[in-house]
């Protein structure tokens, strides 16, 4: 059973969405950038503030403050739908993907703590659907739905920002939050 989602006017939403079968798609710079580009594009198109974000190898977190009455479910539907279309097109093109370079001295710890990264880089076949819901629905990039947590205090907002920004360090993907390229840390701390 999924937890309910509450669209309370004035609340910021901490959202998490996961790649289907936790495939490590976003070790590719190009695919991680697609997620960021869609989050930024729809912040203008759907009138929300992208307060913070981090794109991890198999999921992303974002803090989203809707300025309009657009429900968080509509925002996430657009971001996920169009990111998926672009990811599928990129995988179809079978490019030589430039992978994010992780600190080599963290390699052992990274492998122990982030087992999903030990998998081979996924191909389009990893996302084939068994039963099509519609005529052109051949692939699914994301797991169904998303996790949504309403943030209504400054203390909780800072807690979620710290969680997101330190997530790559906890996963041993970077030595410090400032070293990770797909996070809003440097936007919040430009001098670090």
N, C-alpha and C. Protein backbone atom coordinates (compact mmCIF):
# COMPACT_ATOMS: atom_id res chain seq x y z
N UNK A 1 0.83 -1.18 0.00
CA UNK A 1 0.00 0.00 0.00
C UNK A 1 0.88 1.25 0.00
N UNK A 2 0.59 2.16 -0.90
CA UNK A 2 1.37 3.40 -0.99
C UNK A 2 0.89 4.40 0.05
N UNK A 3 1.84 5.14 0.64
CA UNK A 3 1.42 6.20 1.55
C UNK A 3 0.73 7.32 0.77
N UNK A 4 -0.22 8.01 1.39
CA UNK A 4 -0.92 9.08 0.68
C UNK A 4 0.01 10.26 0.42
N UNK A 5 -0.32 11.05 -0.60
CA UNK A 5 0.42 12.26 -0.92
C UNK A 5 -0.47 13.45 -0.57
N UNK A 6 0.10 14.43 0.09
CA UNK A 6 -0.68 15.58 0.52
C UNK A 6 -0.16 16.82 -0.19
N UNK A 7 -1.02 17.47 -0.94
CA UNK A 7 -0.67 18.74 -1.58
C UNK A 7 -1.18 19.87 -0.70
N UNK A 8 -0.36 20.25 0.26
CA UNK A 8 -0.72 21.33 1.16
C UNK A 8 -0.08 22.60 0.63
N UNK A 9 -0.90 23.60 0.33
CA UNK A 9 -0.38 24.85 -0.21
C UNK A 9 0.65 25.45 0.74
N UNK A 10 1.79 25.83 0.19
CA UNK A 10 2.84 26.44 1.00
C UNK A 10 3.89 25.45 1.48
N UNK A 11 3.62 24.15 1.34
CA UNK A 11 4.60 23.15 1.76
C UNK A 11 5.57 22.84 0.63
N UNK A 12 6.81 22.62 1.00
CA UNK A 12 7.81 22.12 0.07
C UNK A 12 7.73 20.60 0.12
N UNK A 13 8.01 19.96 -0.99
CA UNK A 13 7.95 18.50 -1.07
C UNK A 13 9.36 17.94 -1.22
N UNK A 14 9.69 16.99 -0.37
CA UNK A 14 10.92 16.21 -0.52
C UNK A 14 10.50 14.94 -1.25
N UNK A 15 10.97 14.78 -2.48
CA UNK A 15 10.55 13.64 -3.28
C UNK A 15 11.75 12.75 -3.61
N UNK A 16 11.46 11.47 -3.73
CA UNK A 16 12.45 10.48 -4.12
C UNK A 16 11.81 9.60 -5.17
N UNK A 17 12.53 9.34 -6.24
CA UNK A 17 12.05 8.38 -7.22
C UNK A 17 13.22 7.50 -7.62
N UNK A 18 12.91 6.26 -7.94
CA UNK A 18 13.93 5.21 -8.11
C UNK A 18 13.86 4.64 -9.52
N UNK A 19 15.03 4.33 -10.07
CA UNK A 19 15.12 3.67 -11.36
C UNK A 19 14.60 2.24 -11.21
N UNK A 20 13.90 1.78 -12.22
CA UNK A 20 13.34 0.42 -12.21
C UNK A 20 14.44 -0.61 -11.91
N UNK A 21 14.16 -1.49 -10.99
CA UNK A 21 15.08 -2.55 -10.54
C UNK A 21 16.41 -1.99 -10.03
N UNK A 22 16.39 -0.75 -9.63
CA UNK A 22 17.57 -0.07 -9.07
C UNK A 22 18.78 -0.16 -9.99
N UNK A 23 18.52 -0.08 -11.29
CA UNK A 23 19.61 -0.09 -12.26
C UNK A 23 20.44 1.19 -12.11
N UNK A 24 21.77 1.12 -12.12
CA UNK A 24 22.61 2.30 -11.89
C UNK A 24 22.79 3.16 -13.16
N UNK A 25 21.70 3.69 -13.66
CA UNK A 25 21.73 4.49 -14.89
C UNK A 25 22.57 5.75 -14.75
N UNK A 26 22.51 6.36 -13.57
CA UNK A 26 23.05 7.71 -13.45
C UNK A 26 24.52 7.75 -13.04
N UNK A 27 25.23 6.63 -13.28
CA UNK A 27 26.68 6.71 -13.25
C UNK A 27 27.16 7.29 -14.59
N UNK A 28 26.24 7.41 -15.53
CA UNK A 28 26.52 8.08 -16.80
C UNK A 28 26.25 9.57 -16.62
N UNK A 29 27.24 10.37 -16.96
CA UNK A 29 27.07 11.83 -16.86
C UNK A 29 25.91 12.30 -17.74
N UNK A 30 25.80 11.77 -18.94
CA UNK A 30 24.76 12.21 -19.88
C UNK A 30 23.36 11.92 -19.33
N UNK A 31 23.18 10.74 -18.74
CA UNK A 31 21.85 10.38 -18.24
C UNK A 31 21.51 11.12 -16.96
N UNK A 32 22.50 11.34 -16.09
CA UNK A 32 22.27 12.15 -14.89
C UNK A 32 21.90 13.57 -15.28
N UNK A 33 22.55 14.09 -16.32
CA UNK A 33 22.27 15.46 -16.77
C UNK A 33 20.85 15.58 -17.32
N UNK A 34 20.35 14.53 -17.95
CA UNK A 34 18.97 14.54 -18.45
C UNK A 34 17.99 14.78 -17.30
N UNK A 35 18.20 14.10 -16.18
CA UNK A 35 17.32 14.28 -15.02
C UNK A 35 17.39 15.73 -14.55
N UNK A 36 18.59 16.26 -14.38
CA UNK A 36 18.74 17.65 -13.93
C UNK A 36 18.11 18.63 -14.91
N UNK A 37 18.32 18.42 -16.19
CA UNK A 37 17.74 19.31 -17.20
C UNK A 37 16.22 19.32 -17.11
N UNK A 38 15.62 18.15 -16.90
CA UNK A 38 14.16 18.08 -16.79
C UNK A 38 13.66 18.73 -15.51
N UNK A 39 14.35 18.51 -14.40
CA UNK A 39 13.96 19.18 -13.15
C UNK A 39 13.99 20.70 -13.33
N UNK A 40 15.04 21.20 -13.96
CA UNK A 40 15.16 22.66 -14.17
C UNK A 40 14.15 23.18 -15.18
N UNK A 41 13.97 22.45 -16.28
CA UNK A 41 13.01 22.88 -17.30
C UNK A 41 11.60 22.99 -16.72
N UNK A 42 11.18 21.96 -16.01
CA UNK A 42 9.81 21.98 -15.50
C UNK A 42 9.64 22.94 -14.32
N UNK A 43 10.73 23.35 -13.70
CA UNK A 43 10.59 24.36 -12.65
C UNK A 43 10.06 25.66 -13.25
N UNK A 44 10.44 25.93 -14.49
CA UNK A 44 9.90 27.11 -15.18
C UNK A 44 8.54 26.80 -15.78
N UNK A 45 8.42 25.70 -16.48
CA UNK A 45 7.18 25.37 -17.18
C UNK A 45 6.00 25.17 -16.22
N UNK A 46 6.26 24.59 -15.04
CA UNK A 46 5.17 24.30 -14.09
C UNK A 46 5.22 25.21 -12.86
N UNK A 47 6.11 26.20 -12.90
CA UNK A 47 6.18 27.24 -11.87
C UNK A 47 6.42 26.67 -10.47
N UNK A 48 7.57 26.01 -10.31
CA UNK A 48 7.99 25.58 -8.98
C UNK A 48 9.44 25.96 -8.77
N UNK A 49 9.82 26.05 -7.51
CA UNK A 49 11.21 26.31 -7.17
C UNK A 49 11.90 24.99 -6.88
N UNK A 50 13.01 24.76 -7.55
CA UNK A 50 13.83 23.59 -7.28
C UNK A 50 14.79 24.00 -6.17
N UNK A 51 14.43 23.69 -4.94
CA UNK A 51 15.17 24.14 -3.77
C UNK A 51 16.50 23.40 -3.64
N UNK A 52 16.49 22.11 -3.90
CA UNK A 52 17.69 21.30 -3.78
C UNK A 52 17.49 19.98 -4.50
N UNK A 53 18.60 19.30 -4.79
CA UNK A 53 18.51 18.01 -5.49
C UNK A 53 19.81 17.25 -5.35
N UNK A 54 19.73 15.96 -5.59
CA UNK A 54 20.90 15.12 -5.80
C UNK A 54 20.46 13.96 -6.70
N UNK A 55 21.28 13.68 -7.72
CA UNK A 55 21.02 12.54 -8.59
C UNK A 55 22.05 11.48 -8.21
N UNK A 56 21.56 10.39 -7.67
CA UNK A 56 22.39 9.27 -7.24
C UNK A 56 22.41 8.22 -8.35
N UNK A 57 23.25 7.19 -8.27
CA UNK A 57 23.33 6.21 -9.36
C UNK A 57 22.01 5.55 -9.75
N UNK A 58 21.11 5.30 -8.79
CA UNK A 58 19.87 4.59 -9.12
C UNK A 58 18.61 5.30 -8.65
N UNK A 59 18.71 6.56 -8.25
CA UNK A 59 17.54 7.32 -7.80
C UNK A 59 17.90 8.81 -7.73
N UNK A 60 16.87 9.62 -7.53
CA UNK A 60 17.17 11.02 -7.25
C UNK A 60 16.23 11.53 -6.16
N UNK A 61 16.72 12.54 -5.45
CA UNK A 61 15.95 13.26 -4.44
C UNK A 61 15.84 14.71 -4.91
N UNK A 62 14.72 15.34 -4.60
CA UNK A 62 14.57 16.76 -4.90
C UNK A 62 13.68 17.41 -3.85
N UNK A 63 13.97 18.66 -3.57
CA UNK A 63 13.10 19.50 -2.75
C UNK A 63 12.42 20.46 -3.71
N UNK A 64 11.10 20.37 -3.78
CA UNK A 64 10.32 21.14 -4.75
C UNK A 64 9.29 21.98 -4.01
N UNK A 65 9.30 23.29 -4.31
CA UNK A 65 8.32 24.20 -3.72
C UNK A 65 7.42 24.72 -4.84
N UNK A 66 6.19 24.19 -4.95
CA UNK A 66 5.28 24.66 -6.00
C UNK A 66 4.82 26.09 -5.70
N UNK A 67 5.03 26.99 -6.67
CA UNK A 67 4.57 28.37 -6.53
C UNK A 67 3.14 28.51 -7.02
N UNK A 68 2.69 27.57 -7.79
CA UNK A 68 1.33 27.59 -8.34
C UNK A 68 0.56 26.41 -7.74
N UNK A 69 -0.62 26.21 -8.21
CA UNK A 69 -1.45 25.12 -7.68
C UNK A 69 -1.21 23.79 -8.40
N UNK A 70 -0.10 23.68 -9.09
CA UNK A 70 0.22 22.42 -9.76
C UNK A 70 0.52 21.36 -8.72
N UNK A 71 -0.22 20.26 -8.72
CA UNK A 71 0.03 19.20 -7.72
C UNK A 71 1.41 18.56 -7.92
N UNK A 72 2.00 18.11 -6.83
CA UNK A 72 3.31 17.47 -6.90
C UNK A 72 3.26 16.23 -7.80
N UNK A 73 2.13 15.56 -7.84
CA UNK A 73 2.02 14.38 -8.71
C UNK A 73 2.14 14.76 -10.18
N UNK A 74 1.60 15.90 -10.58
CA UNK A 74 1.72 16.38 -11.97
C UNK A 74 3.16 16.76 -12.28
N UNK A 75 3.82 17.44 -11.33
CA UNK A 75 5.22 17.82 -11.51
C UNK A 75 6.07 16.58 -11.73
N UNK A 76 5.92 15.60 -10.86
CA UNK A 76 6.73 14.38 -10.97
C UNK A 76 6.39 13.59 -12.22
N UNK A 77 5.12 13.58 -12.60
CA UNK A 77 4.72 12.88 -13.82
C UNK A 77 5.46 13.47 -15.02
N UNK A 78 5.49 14.80 -15.11
CA UNK A 78 6.16 15.45 -16.25
C UNK A 78 7.67 15.20 -16.22
N UNK A 79 8.28 15.40 -15.08
CA UNK A 79 9.74 15.21 -14.97
C UNK A 79 10.11 13.78 -15.35
N UNK A 80 9.41 12.81 -14.76
CA UNK A 80 9.74 11.40 -15.02
C UNK A 80 9.43 10.99 -16.46
N UNK A 81 8.30 11.45 -16.97
CA UNK A 81 7.88 11.06 -18.32
C UNK A 81 8.87 11.55 -19.37
N UNK A 82 9.21 12.82 -19.32
CA UNK A 82 10.07 13.37 -20.36
C UNK A 82 11.53 13.00 -20.15
N UNK A 83 11.96 12.84 -18.91
CA UNK A 83 13.31 12.33 -18.67
C UNK A 83 13.41 10.91 -19.24
N UNK A 84 12.38 10.10 -19.01
CA UNK A 84 12.39 8.72 -19.51
C UNK A 84 12.48 8.69 -21.03
N UNK A 85 11.72 9.54 -21.71
CA UNK A 85 11.78 9.57 -23.18
C UNK A 85 13.18 9.91 -23.65
N UNK A 86 13.82 10.87 -23.01
CA UNK A 86 15.17 11.27 -23.41
C UNK A 86 16.19 10.18 -23.06
N UNK A 87 16.03 9.54 -21.92
CA UNK A 87 16.94 8.46 -21.53
C UNK A 87 16.83 7.30 -22.51
N UNK A 88 15.61 6.94 -22.88
CA UNK A 88 15.39 5.84 -23.84
C UNK A 88 16.04 6.19 -25.18
N UNK A 89 15.83 7.41 -25.65
CA UNK A 89 16.44 7.83 -26.92
C UNK A 89 17.96 7.78 -26.84
N UNK A 90 18.52 8.18 -25.71
CA UNK A 90 19.98 8.16 -25.53
C UNK A 90 20.49 6.72 -25.49
N UNK A 91 19.79 5.85 -24.77
CA UNK A 91 20.19 4.43 -24.73
C UNK A 91 20.07 3.80 -26.12
N UNK A 92 19.03 4.18 -26.86
CA UNK A 92 18.85 3.65 -28.22
C UNK A 92 20.02 4.04 -29.12
N UNK A 93 20.51 5.25 -28.93
CA UNK A 93 21.63 5.73 -29.74
C UNK A 93 22.91 4.99 -29.40
N UNK A 94 22.88 4.26 -28.27
CA UNK A 94 23.99 3.41 -27.84
C UNK A 94 25.32 4.17 -27.84
N UNK A 95 25.28 5.33 -27.22
CA UNK A 95 26.47 6.15 -27.15
C UNK A 95 27.53 5.50 -26.27
N UNK A 96 28.74 5.97 -26.43
CA UNK A 96 29.83 5.59 -25.53
C UNK A 96 29.70 6.50 -24.32
N UNK A 97 29.14 6.00 -23.25
CA UNK A 97 28.79 6.82 -22.10
C UNK A 97 30.02 7.19 -21.29
N UNK A 98 30.12 8.49 -20.97
CA UNK A 98 31.18 8.96 -20.09
C UNK A 98 30.68 8.76 -18.66
N UNK A 99 31.35 7.90 -17.93
CA UNK A 99 30.94 7.60 -16.57
C UNK A 99 31.51 8.62 -15.60
N UNK A 100 30.79 8.84 -14.52
CA UNK A 100 31.28 9.71 -13.46
C UNK A 100 32.51 9.04 -12.86
N UNK A 101 33.55 9.78 -12.64
CA UNK A 101 34.77 9.24 -12.05
C UNK A 101 34.68 9.36 -10.53
N UNK A 102 34.78 8.26 -9.85
CA UNK A 102 34.72 8.25 -8.40
C UNK A 102 36.13 8.15 -7.84
N UNK A 103 36.38 8.71 -6.67
CA UNK A 103 37.73 8.63 -6.08
C UNK A 103 38.17 7.17 -5.94
N UNK A 104 39.33 6.83 -6.51
CA UNK A 104 39.78 5.44 -6.53
C UNK A 104 40.08 4.90 -5.13
N UNK A 105 40.56 5.75 -4.23
CA UNK A 105 40.87 5.25 -2.89
C UNK A 105 39.61 4.92 -2.09
N UNK A 106 38.45 5.29 -2.60
CA UNK A 106 37.19 4.93 -1.95
C UNK A 106 36.56 3.70 -2.59
N UNK A 107 37.23 3.14 -3.59
CA UNK A 107 36.66 2.05 -4.38
C UNK A 107 36.18 0.86 -3.52
N UNK A 108 37.01 0.39 -2.61
CA UNK A 108 36.63 -0.77 -1.80
C UNK A 108 35.38 -0.47 -0.96
N UNK A 109 35.41 0.67 -0.29
CA UNK A 109 34.26 1.03 0.56
C UNK A 109 33.02 1.23 -0.30
N UNK A 110 33.20 1.89 -1.45
CA UNK A 110 32.07 2.14 -2.35
C UNK A 110 31.42 0.82 -2.75
N UNK A 111 32.23 -0.16 -3.10
CA UNK A 111 31.68 -1.45 -3.52
C UNK A 111 30.94 -2.14 -2.38
N UNK A 112 31.47 -2.01 -1.19
CA UNK A 112 30.82 -2.65 -0.04
C UNK A 112 29.51 -1.96 0.32
N UNK A 113 29.45 -0.65 0.18
CA UNK A 113 28.28 0.10 0.64
C UNK A 113 27.28 0.37 -0.47
N UNK A 114 27.68 0.28 -1.70
CA UNK A 114 26.78 0.61 -2.81
C UNK A 114 26.81 -0.52 -3.84
N UNK A 115 26.30 -1.65 -3.46
CA UNK A 115 26.36 -2.86 -4.29
C UNK A 115 25.76 -2.65 -5.68
N UNK A 116 24.82 -1.74 -5.79
CA UNK A 116 24.19 -1.54 -7.11
C UNK A 116 25.20 -1.10 -8.15
N UNK A 117 26.30 -0.49 -7.73
CA UNK A 117 27.28 0.00 -8.68
C UNK A 117 28.14 -1.12 -9.26
N UNK A 118 28.10 -2.28 -8.67
CA UNK A 118 28.89 -3.40 -9.16
C UNK A 118 28.25 -4.06 -10.38
N UNK A 119 27.02 -3.68 -10.68
CA UNK A 119 26.36 -4.23 -11.85
C UNK A 119 26.96 -3.63 -13.11
N UNK A 120 26.76 -4.34 -14.21
CA UNK A 120 27.17 -3.77 -15.49
C UNK A 120 26.23 -2.61 -15.80
N UNK A 121 26.74 -1.68 -16.62
CA UNK A 121 25.90 -0.55 -17.00
C UNK A 121 24.69 -1.07 -17.76
N UNK A 122 23.48 -0.63 -17.40
CA UNK A 122 22.28 -1.17 -18.03
C UNK A 122 22.14 -0.76 -19.49
N UNK A 123 21.51 -1.64 -20.24
CA UNK A 123 21.17 -1.35 -21.63
C UNK A 123 19.67 -1.17 -21.71
N UNK A 124 19.20 -0.80 -22.87
CA UNK A 124 17.76 -0.58 -23.05
C UNK A 124 16.95 -1.84 -22.72
N UNK A 125 17.53 -3.00 -22.98
CA UNK A 125 16.82 -4.26 -22.71
C UNK A 125 16.48 -4.44 -21.22
N UNK A 126 17.26 -3.79 -20.33
CA UNK A 126 16.97 -3.87 -18.90
C UNK A 126 15.64 -3.22 -18.53
N UNK A 127 15.09 -2.43 -19.45
CA UNK A 127 13.89 -1.66 -19.14
C UNK A 127 12.68 -2.07 -19.97
N UNK A 128 12.79 -3.20 -20.69
CA UNK A 128 11.64 -3.71 -21.45
C UNK A 128 10.51 -4.07 -20.50
N UNK A 129 9.29 -3.74 -20.89
CA UNK A 129 8.13 -4.11 -20.07
C UNK A 129 7.66 -5.49 -20.52
N UNK A 130 7.14 -6.25 -19.58
CA UNK A 130 6.63 -7.59 -19.90
C UNK A 130 5.27 -7.50 -20.58
N UNK A 131 4.45 -6.58 -20.10
CA UNK A 131 3.12 -6.42 -20.66
C UNK A 131 2.87 -4.93 -20.92
N UNK A 132 2.68 -4.60 -22.17
CA UNK A 132 2.46 -3.20 -22.53
C UNK A 132 1.11 -2.70 -22.01
N UNK A 133 1.13 -1.48 -21.45
CA UNK A 133 -0.12 -0.85 -21.02
C UNK A 133 -0.76 -0.09 -22.17
N UNK A 134 0.05 0.48 -23.02
CA UNK A 134 -0.42 1.18 -24.21
C UNK A 134 0.41 0.72 -25.39
N UNK A 135 0.02 1.12 -26.59
CA UNK A 135 0.64 0.64 -27.81
C UNK A 135 2.15 0.90 -27.87
N UNK A 136 2.59 2.10 -27.52
CA UNK A 136 4.00 2.44 -27.64
C UNK A 136 4.75 2.39 -26.32
N UNK A 137 4.20 1.72 -25.34
CA UNK A 137 4.83 1.64 -24.02
C UNK A 137 5.68 0.37 -23.95
N UNK A 138 6.90 0.46 -24.48
CA UNK A 138 7.77 -0.71 -24.54
C UNK A 138 8.78 -0.77 -23.39
N UNK A 139 9.07 0.40 -22.79
CA UNK A 139 10.12 0.48 -21.79
C UNK A 139 9.63 1.26 -20.57
N UNK A 140 10.14 0.90 -19.41
CA UNK A 140 9.88 1.64 -18.18
C UNK A 140 11.22 1.94 -17.52
N UNK A 141 11.51 3.21 -17.36
CA UNK A 141 12.76 3.64 -16.73
C UNK A 141 12.60 3.70 -15.22
N UNK A 142 11.45 4.16 -14.75
CA UNK A 142 11.24 4.42 -13.33
C UNK A 142 10.37 3.36 -12.68
N UNK A 143 10.59 3.14 -11.40
CA UNK A 143 9.63 2.37 -10.63
C UNK A 143 8.35 3.20 -10.54
N UNK A 144 7.24 2.54 -10.31
CA UNK A 144 5.97 3.26 -10.21
C UNK A 144 5.98 4.24 -9.05
N UNK A 145 5.30 5.34 -9.25
CA UNK A 145 5.07 6.35 -8.23
C UNK A 145 6.37 6.98 -7.75
N UNK A 146 6.33 7.57 -6.57
CA UNK A 146 7.48 8.23 -5.97
C UNK A 146 7.16 8.44 -4.50
N UNK A 147 8.20 8.66 -3.72
CA UNK A 147 8.03 8.95 -2.30
C UNK A 147 7.93 10.46 -2.14
N UNK A 148 6.98 10.91 -1.34
CA UNK A 148 6.75 12.34 -1.14
C UNK A 148 6.62 12.61 0.35
N UNK A 149 7.38 13.58 0.83
CA UNK A 149 7.34 13.98 2.24
C UNK A 149 7.16 15.48 2.28
N UNK A 150 6.10 15.95 2.94
CA UNK A 150 5.87 17.38 3.06
C UNK A 150 6.82 17.99 4.08
N UNK A 151 7.49 19.05 3.67
CA UNK A 151 8.44 19.76 4.53
C UNK A 151 7.79 21.09 4.89
N UNK A 152 7.55 21.28 6.18
CA UNK A 152 6.83 22.50 6.56
C UNK A 152 7.55 23.33 7.62
N UNK A 153 8.80 22.97 7.95
CA UNK A 153 9.58 23.79 8.87
C UNK A 153 10.96 24.01 8.26
N UNK A 154 11.60 25.09 8.66
CA UNK A 154 12.95 25.38 8.19
C UNK A 154 13.93 24.32 8.69
N UNK A 155 13.72 23.86 9.91
CA UNK A 155 14.59 22.82 10.47
C UNK A 155 14.54 21.55 9.61
N UNK A 156 13.34 21.13 9.22
CA UNK A 156 13.20 19.92 8.38
C UNK A 156 13.77 20.16 6.99
N UNK A 157 13.62 21.38 6.47
CA UNK A 157 14.19 21.71 5.16
C UNK A 157 15.71 21.56 5.20
N UNK A 158 16.34 22.11 6.23
CA UNK A 158 17.80 22.00 6.36
C UNK A 158 18.23 20.56 6.54
N UNK A 159 17.44 19.79 7.29
CA UNK A 159 17.74 18.36 7.48
C UNK A 159 17.72 17.62 6.14
N UNK A 160 16.72 17.90 5.31
CA UNK A 160 16.61 17.23 4.00
C UNK A 160 17.72 17.68 3.05
N UNK A 161 18.07 18.97 3.08
CA UNK A 161 19.18 19.45 2.26
C UNK A 161 20.48 18.77 2.68
N UNK A 162 20.73 18.70 3.97
CA UNK A 162 21.94 18.02 4.46
C UNK A 162 21.94 16.56 4.06
N UNK A 163 20.80 15.90 4.18
CA UNK A 163 20.69 14.50 3.79
C UNK A 163 21.06 14.33 2.32
N UNK A 164 20.44 15.16 1.45
CA UNK A 164 20.71 15.05 0.01
C UNK A 164 22.18 15.32 -0.30
N UNK A 165 22.69 16.41 0.23
CA UNK A 165 24.05 16.82 -0.11
C UNK A 165 25.10 15.85 0.42
N UNK A 166 24.81 15.17 1.51
CA UNK A 166 25.77 14.21 2.06
C UNK A 166 25.56 12.79 1.56
N UNK A 167 24.50 12.55 0.83
CA UNK A 167 24.22 11.21 0.31
C UNK A 167 25.38 10.66 -0.53
N UNK A 168 25.97 11.44 -1.45
CA UNK A 168 27.10 10.89 -2.22
C UNK A 168 28.30 10.55 -1.34
N UNK A 169 28.50 11.26 -0.25
CA UNK A 169 29.60 10.96 0.67
C UNK A 169 29.30 9.66 1.40
N UNK A 170 28.05 9.49 1.86
CA UNK A 170 27.67 8.25 2.54
C UNK A 170 27.81 7.04 1.61
N UNK A 171 27.55 7.23 0.33
CA UNK A 171 27.67 6.15 -0.65
C UNK A 171 29.12 5.98 -1.11
N UNK A 172 30.01 6.81 -0.59
CA UNK A 172 31.43 6.79 -0.99
C UNK A 172 31.60 7.09 -2.48
N UNK A 173 30.79 8.00 -2.98
CA UNK A 173 30.90 8.44 -4.37
C UNK A 173 31.74 9.71 -4.48
N UNK A 174 31.96 10.36 -3.32
CA UNK A 174 32.75 11.58 -3.28
C UNK A 174 33.31 11.73 -1.87
N UNK A 175 34.42 12.47 -1.77
CA UNK A 175 35.01 12.69 -0.45
C UNK A 175 34.26 13.77 0.32
N UNK A 176 33.71 14.73 -0.40
CA UNK A 176 32.93 15.79 0.24
C UNK A 176 31.75 16.13 -0.66
N UNK A 177 30.70 16.73 -0.10
CA UNK A 177 29.54 17.08 -0.94
C UNK A 177 29.91 17.99 -2.11
N UNK A 178 30.91 18.84 -1.94
CA UNK A 178 31.30 19.76 -3.01
C UNK A 178 31.92 19.04 -4.20
N UNK A 179 32.41 17.82 -4.00
CA UNK A 179 33.06 17.06 -5.07
C UNK A 179 32.07 16.36 -6.00
N UNK A 180 30.81 16.24 -5.59
CA UNK A 180 29.86 15.47 -6.38
C UNK A 180 29.18 16.39 -7.40
N UNK A 181 29.23 16.03 -8.69
CA UNK A 181 28.76 16.95 -9.73
C UNK A 181 27.23 17.09 -9.87
N UNK A 182 26.46 16.14 -9.34
CA UNK A 182 25.02 16.17 -9.60
C UNK A 182 24.21 16.41 -8.32
N UNK A 183 24.56 17.51 -7.67
CA UNK A 183 23.91 17.90 -6.42
C UNK A 183 23.83 19.41 -6.38
N UNK A 184 22.92 19.93 -5.60
CA UNK A 184 22.77 21.38 -5.45
C UNK A 184 23.69 21.95 -4.39
N UNK A 185 24.59 21.15 -3.84
CA UNK A 185 25.45 21.61 -2.75
C UNK A 185 26.17 22.91 -3.10
N UNK A 186 26.79 22.96 -4.28
CA UNK A 186 27.57 24.15 -4.66
C UNK A 186 26.69 25.37 -4.88
N UNK A 187 25.42 25.16 -5.21
CA UNK A 187 24.49 26.28 -5.32
C UNK A 187 24.21 26.89 -3.94
N UNK A 188 24.17 26.03 -2.94
CA UNK A 188 23.91 26.48 -1.56
C UNK A 188 25.20 26.96 -0.87
N UNK A 189 26.33 26.44 -1.29
CA UNK A 189 27.62 26.76 -0.66
C UNK A 189 28.65 27.10 -1.75
N UNK A 190 28.51 28.24 -2.42
CA UNK A 190 29.38 28.54 -3.56
C UNK A 190 30.85 28.73 -3.18
N UNK A 191 31.14 29.01 -1.93
CA UNK A 191 32.53 29.28 -1.52
C UNK A 191 33.28 28.02 -1.10
N UNK A 192 32.60 26.87 -1.07
CA UNK A 192 33.27 25.64 -0.62
C UNK A 192 33.74 24.80 -1.79
